[in-house]
Amino acid sequence: MELIKLDNISKFYGMGDATTVALDNLSFIVEKGEFVSIMGPSGSGKSTLMNIIGLLDTPTHGSYLLENKEVANLSQKDRARIRREKIGFIFQTFNLIPQLTVIENVALPLLYKGASYVKRMEAASKVLKSLDLGDREYYLPNQLSGGQRQRVAIARALINKPSLILADEPTGNVDSKTSENIMNILKDIHKKGNTILMVTHNPDLAEYGTRVIHVIDGQIEEKNRSTQNKKKATKKTNKKAGKK
């Protein structure tokens, strides 16, 4: 079942000779339950792609179907409602509110949905316990390690039980060991049926996805996973044999 369908999406910034083409007639389909890793150099258009998919930006032209409904040019109010109900965001910089406790940060999306205080706290506590943060509920963000803060950000993304999770460099601000822990959490979330789109510069982390795409000059290049695996296997074999 198609969760996301982009058809000939373009995004232009500026006017006349100063026009920048961020996305160029890009078409892209994500099936429900996929884990798609998005790679590409800086300025390639991957952030613009994620912003359009996350309804944080609108395309200049083209069609975007989310769960078979056209959402490309909805009003700001309708885009905010869909983000609140269907999309969970995990940012590289955590984006936690420093004055709020961990449990208050996680419960915040439910406040915007109008849930009662008790329901917000119960739901937030449950998600935090599932990520081994039950003993950190009343800490402030600056009292946590980088890995703990990212787990709080993941908990906040999951609180509304979204149909789509967008992760933008979710391991960019943590060390390699914590990075592996974060990726294992995302892997477990995916196994439970969640659809995940993740931007990463790290090819090893991209392999956690069921599919890897590359955004180059505003367009998508998709490499066949079996071909990639064959190349890796050949490289390992040649290394063992002493070949270059």
Protein backbone atom coordinates (compact mmCIF):
# COMPACT_ATOMS: atom_id res chain seq x y z
CA MET A 1 0.00 0.00 0.00
CA GLU A 2 1.36 3.42 -1.00
CA LEU A 3 1.84 5.78 1.94
CA ILE A 4 3.63 8.53 0.00
CA LYS A 5 3.43 9.31 -3.70
CA LEU A 6 5.27 12.31 -5.14
CA ASP A 7 4.63 12.97 -8.83
CA ASN A 8 6.78 15.49 -10.76
CA ILE A 9 7.50 17.58 -7.67
CA SER A 10 9.61 20.68 -8.25
CA LYS A 11 10.71 23.37 -5.84
CA PHE A 12 12.18 26.70 -6.96
CA TYR A 13 13.59 29.47 -4.81
CA GLY A 14 14.13 33.02 -6.05
CA MET A 15 13.12 34.57 -9.36
CA GLY A 16 14.54 35.12 -12.84
CA ASP A 17 18.29 34.69 -13.15
CA ALA A 18 18.53 34.16 -9.38
CA THR A 19 16.24 31.09 -9.41
CA THR A 20 17.58 28.04 -7.59
CA VAL A 21 16.13 24.63 -8.46
CA ALA A 22 16.02 22.57 -5.26
CA LEU A 23 13.89 19.72 -6.66
CA ASP A 24 13.50 19.04 -10.37
CA ASN A 25 10.40 17.05 -11.44
CA LEU A 26 11.08 14.43 -8.78
CA SER A 27 8.83 11.37 -8.49
CA PHE A 28 9.02 9.04 -5.52
CA ILE A 29 6.86 6.35 -3.89
CA VAL A 30 7.15 4.98 -0.35
CA GLU A 31 5.14 1.92 0.60
CA LYS A 32 3.62 1.62 4.06
CA GLY A 33 6.08 -0.13 6.41
CA GLU A 34 9.28 0.77 4.52
CA PHE A 35 12.46 2.14 6.11
CA VAL A 36 13.98 4.43 3.46
CA SER A 37 17.45 5.89 3.92
CA ILE A 38 18.05 9.14 2.00
CA MET A 39 21.59 10.14 1.12
CA GLY A 40 23.12 12.93 -0.93
CA PRO A 41 25.69 15.75 -0.78
CA SER A 42 24.95 19.10 0.85
CA GLY A 43 22.73 21.18 -1.38
CA SER A 44 21.42 18.17 -3.28
CA GLY A 45 17.79 18.78 -2.29
CA LYS A 46 17.30 16.09 0.37
CA SER A 47 16.36 18.60 3.10
CA THR A 48 13.84 20.23 0.77
CA LEU A 49 12.45 16.79 -0.04
CA MET A 50 12.03 15.99 3.67
CA ASN A 51 10.42 19.38 4.33
CA ILE A 52 7.86 18.83 1.58
CA ILE A 53 7.11 15.27 2.74
CA GLY A 54 6.78 16.56 6.32
CA LEU A 55 4.44 19.36 5.15
CA LEU A 56 6.84 22.01 6.44
CA ASP A 57 7.13 23.40 2.89
CA THR A 58 5.06 23.35 -0.29
CA PRO A 59 6.23 22.41 -3.80
CA THR A 60 6.27 24.96 -6.63
CA HIS A 61 4.38 22.41 -8.69
CA GLY A 62 3.60 18.71 -8.71
CA SER A 63 1.40 16.29 -6.78
CA TYR A 64 1.90 14.84 -3.30
CA LEU A 65 -0.44 12.11 -2.10
CA LEU A 66 -0.25 11.07 1.56
CA GLU A 67 -2.40 8.03 2.28
CA ASN A 68 -4.05 8.63 -1.14
CA LYS A 69 -5.03 12.21 -0.29
CA GLU A 70 -3.61 15.24 -2.11
CA VAL A 71 -1.73 17.38 0.42
CA ALA A 72 0.69 19.43 -1.71
CA ASN A 73 -1.09 22.77 -1.43
CA LEU A 74 -3.21 22.60 1.70
CA SER A 75 -3.65 25.60 3.97
CA GLN A 76 -1.21 26.11 6.84
CA LYS A 77 -3.91 25.06 9.29
CA ASP A 78 -4.60 21.77 7.48
CA ARG A 79 -0.88 21.02 7.08
CA ALA A 80 -0.37 21.59 10.83
CA ARG A 81 -3.26 19.25 11.63
CA ILE A 82 -1.84 16.45 9.44
CA ARG A 83 1.65 16.92 10.91
CA ARG A 84 0.15 16.69 14.39
CA GLU A 85 -1.88 13.55 13.63
CA LYS A 86 0.19 11.57 11.15
CA ILE A 87 3.88 12.58 11.22
CA GLY A 88 6.58 12.21 13.87
CA PHE A 89 9.77 14.28 13.54
CA ILE A 90 13.22 13.37 14.90
CA PHE A 91 15.76 16.17 14.49
CA GLN A 92 19.56 16.13 14.60
CA THR A 93 19.58 18.90 17.22
CA PHE A 94 16.88 17.26 19.41
CA ASN A 95 14.77 20.49 19.51
CA LEU A 96 13.72 19.94 23.11
CA ILE A 97 12.35 22.89 25.08
CA PRO A 98 14.96 23.53 27.81
CA GLN A 99 12.50 24.89 30.39
CA LEU A 100 10.28 21.78 30.23
CA THR A 101 10.97 18.45 31.89
CA VAL A 102 11.51 15.31 29.84
CA ILE A 103 7.93 14.12 30.33
CA GLU A 104 6.54 17.56 29.48
CA ASN A 105 8.57 17.67 26.25
CA VAL A 106 7.31 14.25 25.21
CA ALA A 107 3.69 15.08 26.10
CA LEU A 108 3.69 18.38 24.18
CA PRO A 109 2.19 17.03 20.90
CA LEU A 110 -0.79 15.70 22.88
CA LEU A 111 -1.38 19.17 24.33
CA TYR A 112 -1.86 20.48 20.79
CA LYS A 113 -4.39 17.68 20.20
CA GLY A 114 -6.40 18.78 23.23
CA ALA A 115 -5.75 15.72 25.42
CA SER A 116 -6.23 16.14 29.16
CA TYR A 117 -3.24 16.60 31.47
CA VAL A 118 -3.64 13.12 32.99
CA LYS A 119 -3.84 11.41 29.59
CA ARG A 120 -0.81 13.35 28.34
CA MET A 121 1.31 12.39 31.32
CA GLU A 122 0.23 8.73 31.25
CA ALA A 123 0.98 8.37 27.54
CA ALA A 124 4.33 10.18 27.80
CA SER A 125 5.39 8.07 30.78
CA LYS A 126 4.54 4.87 28.91
CA VAL A 127 6.62 5.83 25.86
CA LEU A 128 9.55 6.96 28.00
CA LYS A 129 9.57 3.66 29.92
CA SER A 130 9.65 1.77 26.59
CA LEU A 131 12.87 3.64 25.76
CA ASP A 132 14.44 3.04 29.20
CA LEU A 133 13.93 6.63 30.29
CA GLY A 134 11.38 6.04 33.04
CA ASP A 135 13.83 7.27 35.68
CA ARG A 136 14.50 10.51 33.77
CA GLU A 137 10.92 11.79 33.43
CA TYR A 138 11.40 14.86 35.63
CA TYR A 139 14.91 15.77 34.50
CA LEU A 140 15.51 18.86 32.36
CA PRO A 141 17.12 18.34 28.91
CA ASN A 142 20.44 19.87 30.04
CA GLN A 143 20.70 17.17 32.72
CA LEU A 144 20.78 14.42 30.10
CA SER A 145 23.49 13.01 27.84
CA GLY A 146 23.26 13.48 24.07
CA GLY A 147 22.00 9.93 23.60
CA GLN A 148 19.34 10.36 26.28
CA ARG A 149 18.16 13.61 24.70
CA GLN A 150 17.83 11.90 21.33
CA ARG A 151 15.80 9.11 22.92
CA VAL A 152 13.53 11.77 24.41
CA ALA A 153 13.16 13.24 20.92
CA ILE A 154 12.25 9.79 19.60
CA ALA A 155 9.70 9.36 22.39
CA ARG A 156 8.14 12.70 21.44
CA ALA A 157 7.97 11.60 17.80
CA LEU A 158 6.16 8.39 18.79
CA ILE A 159 3.65 9.87 21.26
CA ASN A 160 0.93 10.41 18.63
CA LYS A 161 1.42 6.95 17.09
CA PRO A 162 2.20 8.52 13.68
CA SER A 163 1.88 6.67 10.38
CA LEU A 164 5.16 8.28 9.22
CA ILE A 165 8.40 9.07 11.06
CA LEU A 166 10.89 11.53 9.52
CA ALA A 167 14.39 11.39 10.97
CA ASP A 168 16.87 14.06 9.86
CA GLU A 169 20.43 12.96 10.73
CA PRO A 170 19.19 11.43 14.03
CA THR A 171 22.72 10.39 15.05
CA GLY A 172 24.50 13.57 13.97
CA ASN A 173 25.17 14.84 17.50
CA VAL A 174 26.08 11.63 19.33
CA ASP A 175 29.14 9.37 19.51
CA SER A 176 29.48 6.13 17.53
CA LYS A 177 28.32 3.82 20.34
CA THR A 178 25.24 5.95 21.06
CA SER A 179 24.65 6.20 17.32
CA GLU A 180 24.42 2.42 17.10
CA ASN A 181 21.97 2.37 20.03
CA ILE A 182 19.77 5.01 18.36
CA MET A 183 19.76 3.07 15.08
CA ASN A 184 18.79 -0.13 16.89
CA ILE A 185 15.86 1.74 18.45
CA LEU A 186 14.76 2.93 15.00
CA LYS A 187 15.17 -0.62 13.70
CA ASP A 188 12.89 -1.93 16.47
CA ILE A 189 10.35 0.82 15.76
CA HIS A 190 10.37 -0.17 12.10
CA LYS A 191 9.85 -3.84 12.98
CA LYS A 192 6.63 -2.83 14.76
CA GLY A 193 5.25 -1.61 11.43
CA ASN A 194 6.20 2.06 11.37
CA THR A 195 7.25 3.74 8.12
CA ILE A 196 10.54 5.64 8.50
CA LEU A 197 12.35 8.07 6.21
CA MET A 198 15.85 8.92 7.43
CA VAL A 199 18.42 11.37 6.08
CA THR A 200 22.01 10.34 6.78
CA HIS A 201 25.50 11.03 5.44
CA ASN A 202 26.80 7.73 6.83
CA PRO A 203 26.59 4.80 4.36
CA ASP A 204 26.86 2.25 7.19
CA LEU A 205 23.84 3.74 8.96
CA ALA A 206 21.96 3.92 5.65
CA GLU A 207 22.17 0.13 5.52
CA TYR A 208 19.69 -0.08 8.39
CA GLY A 209 17.05 0.92 5.84
CA THR A 210 15.17 -1.51 3.63
CA ARG A 211 15.91 0.85 0.74
CA VAL A 212 18.59 3.45 0.05
CA ILE A 213 18.03 6.38 -2.30
CA HIS A 214 20.39 9.16 -3.33
CA VAL A 215 19.25 12.72 -4.03
CA ILE A 216 21.50 14.32 -6.64
CA ASP A 217 20.81 17.79 -8.09
CA GLY A 218 17.17 17.68 -7.08
CA GLN A 219 16.47 14.24 -8.52
CA ILE A 220 16.46 10.71 -7.12
CA GLU A 221 18.90 7.99 -8.02
CA GLU A 222 18.08 4.60 -6.57
CA LYS A 223 20.66 1.82 -6.54
CA ASN A 224 19.63 -1.80 -6.48
CA ARG A 225 20.30 -3.23 -3.01
CA SER A 226 21.34 -6.65 -4.37
CA THR A 227 23.89 -4.96 -6.65
CA GLN A 228 25.26 -2.99 -3.71
CA ASN A 229 25.59 -6.14 -1.64
CA LYS A 230 27.39 -7.95 -4.47
CA LYS A 231 29.89 -5.10 -4.74
CA LYS A 232 30.51 -5.24 -0.98
CA ALA A 233 30.99 -9.00 -1.07
CA THR A 234 33.44 -8.69 -3.98
CA LYS A 235 35.36 -5.97 -2.18
CA LYS A 236 35.68 -8.15 0.95
CA THR A 237 36.78 -11.16 -1.11
CA ASN A 238 39.42 -9.13 -2.94
CA LYS A 239 40.66 -7.71 0.35
CA LYS A 240 41.12 -11.19 1.80
CA ALA A 241 42.94 -12.28 -1.35
CA GLY A 242 45.27 -9.29 -1.11
CA LYS A 243 43.87 -7.60 -4.21
CA LYS A 244 43.27 -3.87 -4.56
